[in-house]
Amino acid sequence: MVRVLVMHGPNLDLLGEREPSVYGTLTLAEIDRRIKALARELGARAETFQSNHEGAIIDRLHAARGRYGAIVLNAGGLTHASYALRDAIASIPIPVIEVHLSNVHAREPFRSTSVIAPVVKGQIIGFGVHSYLLGLRAALVLAEAAAPQAPPAPVPPRPVPAAARSRARRASRRKP
C-alpha cells in the first residue's frame, strides 16, 4: 500500500476562520478527512501533518525518506521565501507535489513567486480542497511509477513428454 504524507504549512491550522473569502470555510480537520477518505478509496494511505514552524516541516521532510512514496505539500507563506525548505525538498528522493487552495497568481504579486517550484514535481493551485485531492492523485501516480517493480516470475521448465523420456532411458542403457 502506497503511503503519502500530506503537509500543511504555517497558518493553515486556521482554515475555516482565516479569510474565508480566499480560503473557503472548510476547516483543516475536514480537509484532512477528505484527503484520507480519498486515499482509502484509491487503496492508499495518507498521513497528514501541520506546523507553523519551518524547522518542524523540514525535519518531517527529512524523516519521510524511506517511509512515504510521495508528499503533497502546501507550504503556505514559506512557499515564497524559504530557501531552507527548497533545499530540504531537493535533498530527498521523494516526489513532492506543491498545492495551494487559492490561485496565488491572482493575488498579491509576491505570492506568484514559489522558491520551491523548481524542486517539486508539479503544482496544483486555485481549486480549494480539490487542489489537495488532485495533488493526492498525482502523488499516487508518481509513487507507483517510482516503486520498484517485482522481477518477473521464473518460467518453469517444460515437462519432457513420456515418449522422449522413454527414448532417453533406452539410449542410456546402450553401451557404446
C-alpha atoms as a PDB file:
ATOM      1  CA  MET A   1       0.000   0.000   0.000  1.00  0.00           C
ATOM      2  CA  VAL A   2       1.403   3.373  -1.040  1.00  0.00           C
ATOM      3  CA  ARG A   3       1.792   5.877   1.789  1.00  0.00           C
ATOM      4  CA  VAL A   4       1.554   9.606   1.072  1.00  0.00           C
ATOM      5  CA  LEU A   5       2.451  12.373   3.501  1.00  0.00           C
ATOM      6  CA  VAL A   6       0.284  15.498   3.206  1.00  0.00           C
ATOM      7  CA  MET A   7       1.877  18.527   4.839  1.00  0.00           C
ATOM      8  CA  HIS A   8       0.259  21.843   5.724  1.00  0.00           C
ATOM      9  CA  GLY A   9       2.424  24.871   6.466  1.00  0.00           C
ATOM     10  CA  PRO A  10       2.022  27.998   8.580  1.00  0.00           C
ATOM     11  CA  ASN A  11      -1.418  29.419   9.348  1.00  0.00           C
ATOM     12  CA  LEU A  12      -3.280  26.561   7.683  1.00  0.00           C
ATOM     13  CA  ASP A  13      -4.417  25.434  11.135  1.00  0.00           C
ATOM     14  CA  LEU A  14      -6.726  28.476  10.991  1.00  0.00           C
ATOM     15  CA  LEU A  15      -8.607  27.334   7.894  1.00  0.00           C
ATOM     16  CA  GLY A  16     -12.341  27.828   8.208  1.00  0.00           C
ATOM     17  CA  GLU A  17     -11.924  31.096  10.077  1.00  0.00           C
ATOM     18  CA  ARG A  18      -8.961  32.751   8.326  1.00  0.00           C
ATOM     19  CA  GLU A  19     -10.028  34.800   5.297  1.00  0.00           C
ATOM     20  CA  PRO A  20     -12.911  32.519   4.234  1.00  0.00           C
ATOM     21  CA  SER A  21     -13.409  34.581   1.070  1.00  0.00           C
ATOM     22  CA  VAL A  22      -9.923  33.456  -0.039  1.00  0.00           C
ATOM     23  CA  TYR A  23      -9.505  30.012   1.547  1.00  0.00           C
ATOM     24  CA  GLY A  24     -13.103  28.843   1.968  1.00  0.00           C
ATOM     25  CA  THR A  25     -14.934  27.723   5.074  1.00  0.00           C
ATOM     26  CA  LEU A  26     -13.638  24.157   5.403  1.00  0.00           C
ATOM     27  CA  THR A  27     -11.507  23.521   8.458  1.00  0.00           C
ATOM     28  CA  LEU A  28      -8.157  21.779   8.257  1.00  0.00           C
ATOM     29  CA  ALA A  29      -9.689  18.792  10.055  1.00  0.00           C
ATOM     30  CA  GLU A  30     -12.361  18.500   7.330  1.00  0.00           C
ATOM     31  CA  ILE A  31      -9.759  18.789   4.572  1.00  0.00           C
ATOM     32  CA  ASP A  32      -7.701  16.067   6.267  1.00  0.00           C
ATOM     33  CA  ARG A  33     -10.790  13.809   6.488  1.00  0.00           C
ATOM     34  CA  ARG A  34     -11.445  14.233   2.762  1.00  0.00           C
ATOM     35  CA  ILE A  35      -7.812  13.513   1.900  1.00  0.00           C
ATOM     36  CA  LYS A  36      -7.772  10.335   3.996  1.00  0.00           C
ATOM     37  CA  ALA A  37     -11.118   9.174   2.592  1.00  0.00           C
ATOM     38  CA  LEU A  38      -9.907   9.577  -0.985  1.00  0.00           C
ATOM     39  CA  ALA A  39      -6.657   7.780  -0.171  1.00  0.00           C
ATOM     40  CA  ARG A  40      -8.623   4.812   1.249  1.00  0.00           C
ATOM     41  CA  GLU A  41     -10.865   4.799  -1.820  1.00  0.00           C
ATOM     42  CA  LEU A  42      -7.759   4.646  -4.030  1.00  0.00           C
ATOM     43  CA  GLY A  43      -6.161   1.863  -1.985  1.00  0.00           C
ATOM     44  CA  ALA A  44      -3.526   4.090  -0.389  1.00  0.00           C
ATOM     45  CA  ARG A  45      -2.845   5.605   2.992  1.00  0.00           C
ATOM     46  CA  ALA A  46      -2.499   9.342   3.628  1.00  0.00           C
ATOM     47  CA  GLU A  47      -0.983  10.793   6.768  1.00  0.00           C
ATOM     48  CA  THR A  48      -1.335  14.489   7.493  1.00  0.00           C
ATOM     49  CA  PHE A  49       0.888  16.933   9.357  1.00  0.00           C
ATOM     50  CA  GLN A  50       0.604  20.661  10.039  1.00  0.00           C
ATOM     51  CA  SER A  51       3.142  23.010  11.567  1.00  0.00           C
ATOM     52  CA  ASN A  52       3.615  26.737  11.826  1.00  0.00           C
ATOM     53  CA  HIS A  53       7.367  26.178  12.190  1.00  0.00           C
ATOM     54  CA  GLU A  54       9.726  25.936   9.237  1.00  0.00           C
ATOM     55  CA  GLY A  55      12.171  23.677  11.085  1.00  0.00           C
ATOM     56  CA  ALA A  56       9.457  21.184  12.030  1.00  0.00           C
ATOM     57  CA  ILE A  57       8.369  20.936   8.390  1.00  0.00           C
ATOM     58  CA  ILE A  58      11.963  20.416   7.259  1.00  0.00           C
ATOM     59  CA  ASP A  59      12.504  17.776   9.965  1.00  0.00           C
ATOM     60  CA  ARG A  60       9.388  15.949   8.782  1.00  0.00           C
ATOM     61  CA  LEU A  61      10.585  16.028   5.158  1.00  0.00           C
ATOM     62  CA  HIS A  62      13.905  14.504   6.210  1.00  0.00           C
ATOM     63  CA  ALA A  63      12.141  11.832   8.285  1.00  0.00           C
ATOM     64  CA  ALA A  64       9.905  10.933   5.310  1.00  0.00           C
ATOM     65  CA  ARG A  65      12.768   9.197   3.467  1.00  0.00           C
ATOM     66  CA  GLY A  66      12.026   5.510   3.118  1.00  0.00           C
ATOM     67  CA  ARG A  67       8.594   5.885   4.745  1.00  0.00           C
ATOM     68  CA  TYR A  68       6.459   7.514   2.035  1.00  0.00           C
ATOM     69  CA  GLY A  69       6.078   7.101  -1.691  1.00  0.00           C
ATOM     70  CA  ALA A  70       5.215  10.776  -2.258  1.00  0.00           C
ATOM     71  CA  ILE A  71       4.459  14.037  -0.476  1.00  0.00           C
ATOM     72  CA  VAL A  72       1.732  16.631  -1.048  1.00  0.00           C
ATOM     73  CA  LEU A  73       2.824  19.996   0.360  1.00  0.00           C
ATOM     74  CA  ASN A  74       1.007  23.252   0.948  1.00  0.00           C
ATOM     75  CA  ALA A  75       3.882  25.286   2.339  1.00  0.00           C
ATOM     76  CA  GLY A  76       1.721  28.363   2.890  1.00  0.00           C
ATOM     77  CA  GLY A  77       3.788  31.539   3.172  1.00  0.00           C
ATOM     78  CA  LEU A  78       7.031  29.518   3.228  1.00  0.00           C
ATOM     79  CA  THR A  79       6.441  28.896  -0.475  1.00  0.00           C
ATOM     80  CA  HIS A  80       7.558  32.407  -1.310  1.00  0.00           C
ATOM     81  CA  ALA A  81      10.566  32.837   0.945  1.00  0.00           C
ATOM     82  CA  SER A  82      12.014  29.627   2.387  1.00  0.00           C
ATOM     83  CA  TYR A  83      15.187  28.577   0.654  1.00  0.00           C
ATOM     84  CA  ALA A  84      15.802  26.158   3.528  1.00  0.00           C
ATOM     85  CA  LEU A  85      12.539  24.406   2.646  1.00  0.00           C
ATOM     86  CA  ARG A  86      13.515  24.404  -1.029  1.00  0.00           C
ATOM     87  CA  ASP A  87      16.834  22.765  -0.185  1.00  0.00           C
ATOM     88  CA  ALA A  88      15.144  20.178   2.044  1.00  0.00           C
ATOM     89  CA  ILE A  89      12.805  19.156  -0.782  1.00  0.00           C
ATOM     90  CA  ALA A  90      15.726  18.953  -3.204  1.00  0.00           C
ATOM     91  CA  SER A  91      17.662  16.751  -0.782  1.00  0.00           C
ATOM     92  CA  ILE A  92      15.134  13.917  -0.528  1.00  0.00           C
ATOM     93  CA  PRO A  93      14.391  11.295  -3.185  1.00  0.00           C
ATOM     94  CA  ILE A  94      10.625  11.502  -2.711  1.00  0.00           C
ATOM     95  CA  PRO A  95       8.415  13.226  -5.306  1.00  0.00           C
ATOM     96  CA  VAL A  96       6.714  16.332  -3.889  1.00  0.00           C
ATOM     97  CA  ILE A  97       3.572  17.954  -5.299  1.00  0.00           C
ATOM     98  CA  GLU A  98       3.030  21.617  -4.359  1.00  0.00           C
ATOM     99  CA  VAL A  99      -0.602  22.595  -3.736  1.00  0.00           C
ATOM    100  CA  HIS A 100      -2.405  25.796  -2.799  1.00  0.00           C
ATOM    101  CA  LEU A 101      -6.073  26.363  -2.040  1.00  0.00           C
ATOM    102  CA  SER A 102      -6.190  29.772  -3.720  1.00  0.00           C
ATOM    103  CA  ASN A 103      -4.894  30.903  -7.090  1.00  0.00           C
ATOM    104  CA  VAL A 104      -1.679  32.517  -5.883  1.00  0.00           C
ATOM    105  CA  HIS A 105      -1.182  34.209  -9.270  1.00  0.00           C
ATOM    106  CA  ALA A 106      -4.440  36.142  -8.886  1.00  0.00           C
ATOM    107  CA  ARG A 107      -3.409  37.596  -5.524  1.00  0.00           C
ATOM    108  CA  GLU A 108      -0.642  39.877  -4.261  1.00  0.00           C
ATOM    109  CA  PRO A 109       2.399  39.928  -6.575  1.00  0.00           C
ATOM    110  CA  PHE A 110       4.757  38.353  -4.009  1.00  0.00           C
ATOM    111  CA  ARG A 111       2.581  35.229  -3.921  1.00  0.00           C
ATOM    112  CA  SER A 112       3.338  34.498  -7.587  1.00  0.00           C
ATOM    113  CA  THR A 113       6.892  33.517  -6.670  1.00  0.00           C
ATOM    114  CA  SER A 114       7.441  29.975  -5.448  1.00  0.00           C
ATOM    115  CA  VAL A 115      11.021  29.269  -4.427  1.00  0.00           C
ATOM    116  CA  ILE A 116      10.113  25.568  -4.130  1.00  0.00           C
ATOM    117  CA  ALA A 117       8.660  25.276  -7.648  1.00  0.00           C
ATOM    118  CA  PRO A 118      11.972  24.314  -9.288  1.00  0.00           C
ATOM    119  CA  VAL A 119      12.370  21.274  -6.991  1.00  0.00           C
ATOM    120  CA  VAL A 120       8.809  19.915  -6.843  1.00  0.00           C
ATOM    121  CA  LYS A 121       7.323  17.602  -9.478  1.00  0.00           C
ATOM    122  CA  GLY A 122       4.373  19.895 -10.136  1.00  0.00           C
ATOM    123  CA  GLN A 123       1.921  22.452  -8.792  1.00  0.00           C
ATOM    124  CA  ILE A 124      -1.853  22.383  -8.371  1.00  0.00           C
ATOM    125  CA  ILE A 125      -3.335  25.721  -7.347  1.00  0.00           C
ATOM    126  CA  GLY A 126      -6.619  27.536  -7.062  1.00  0.00           C
ATOM    127  CA  PHE A 127      -9.095  24.674  -6.685  1.00  0.00           C
ATOM    128  CA  GLY A 128      -9.796  24.900  -2.963  1.00  0.00           C
ATOM    129  CA  VAL A 129      -9.881  21.497  -1.271  1.00  0.00           C
ATOM    130  CA  HIS A 130      -9.705  19.895  -4.709  1.00  0.00           C
ATOM    131  CA  SER A 131      -6.116  21.137  -5.014  1.00  0.00           C
ATOM    132  CA  TYR A 132      -5.246  18.682  -2.241  1.00  0.00           C
ATOM    133  CA  LEU A 133      -7.335  15.868  -3.723  1.00  0.00           C
ATOM    134  CA  LEU A 134      -5.848  16.330  -7.196  1.00  0.00           C
ATOM    135  CA  GLY A 135      -2.424  16.567  -5.570  1.00  0.00           C
ATOM    136  CA  LEU A 136      -3.030  13.252  -3.831  1.00  0.00           C
ATOM    137  CA  ARG A 137      -3.979  11.611  -7.124  1.00  0.00           C
ATOM    138  CA  ALA A 138      -0.850  12.994  -8.797  1.00  0.00           C
ATOM    139  CA  ALA A 139       1.317  11.888  -5.871  1.00  0.00           C
ATOM    140  CA  LEU A 140      -0.031   8.339  -6.137  1.00  0.00           C
ATOM    141  CA  VAL A 141       0.736   8.202  -9.855  1.00  0.00           C
ATOM    142  CA  LEU A 142       4.310   9.327  -9.178  1.00  0.00           C
ATOM    143  CA  ALA A 143       4.753   6.954  -6.232  1.00  0.00           C
ATOM    144  CA  GLU A 144       3.511   3.960  -8.188  1.00  0.00           C
ATOM    145  CA  ALA A 145       5.750   4.830 -11.147  1.00  0.00           C
ATOM    146  CA  ALA A 146       8.780   5.071  -8.848  1.00  0.00           C
ATOM    147  CA  ALA A 147       8.032   1.904  -6.871  1.00  0.00           C
ATOM    148  CA  PRO A 148      10.432  -0.941  -7.566  1.00  0.00           C
ATOM    149  CA  GLN A 149       8.888  -3.483  -9.850  1.00  0.00           C
ATOM    150  CA  ALA A 150       8.905  -7.141  -8.819  1.00  0.00           C
ATOM    151  CA  PRO A 151      11.157  -9.244 -11.006  1.00  0.00           C
ATOM    152  CA  PRO A 152       9.284 -11.406 -13.487  1.00  0.00           C
ATOM    153  CA  ALA A 153       8.404 -14.863 -12.237  1.00  0.00           C
ATOM    154  CA  PRO A 154      10.768 -17.538 -13.496  1.00  0.00           C
ATOM    155  CA  VAL A 155       9.443 -19.641 -16.324  1.00  0.00           C
ATOM    156  CA  PRO A 156       9.053 -23.227 -15.118  1.00  0.00           C
ATOM    157  CA  PRO A 157      10.828 -25.849 -17.212  1.00  0.00           C
ATOM    158  CA  ARG A 158       8.643 -27.564 -19.746  1.00  0.00           C
ATOM    159  CA  PRO A 159       7.885 -31.160 -18.855  1.00  0.00           C
ATOM    160  CA  VAL A 160       9.546 -33.729 -21.060  1.00  0.00           C
ATOM    161  CA  PRO A 161       6.943 -35.864 -22.858  1.00  0.00           C
ATOM    162  CA  ALA A 162       6.788 -39.512 -21.766  1.00  0.00           C
ATOM    163  CA  ALA A 163       7.907 -40.823 -25.177  1.00  0.00           C
ATOM    164  CA  ALA A 164      11.051 -38.696 -25.083  1.00  0.00           C
ATOM    165  CA  ARG A 165      11.852 -39.869 -21.533  1.00  0.00           C
ATOM    166  CA  SER A 166      11.474 -43.458 -22.648  1.00  0.00           C
ATOM    167  CA  ARG A 167      13.839 -42.961 -25.613  1.00  0.00           C
ATOM    168  CA  ALA A 168      16.383 -41.259 -23.362  1.00  0.00           C
ATOM    169  CA  ARG A 169      16.322 -44.196 -20.899  1.00  0.00           C
ATOM    170  CA  ARG A 170      16.806 -46.743 -23.683  1.00  0.00           C
ATOM    171  CA  ALA A 171      19.712 -44.737 -25.099  1.00  0.00           C
ATOM    172  CA  SER A 172      21.406 -44.534 -21.707  1.00  0.00           C
ATOM    173  CA  ARG A 173      21.195 -48.346 -21.312  1.00  0.00           C
ATOM    174  CA  ARG A 174      23.042 -48.998 -24.533  1.00  0.00           C
ATOM    175  CA  LYS A 175      26.744 -49.424 -24.206  1.00  0.00           C
ATOM    176  CA  PRO A 176      28.972 -47.608 -26.682  1.00  0.00           C
END
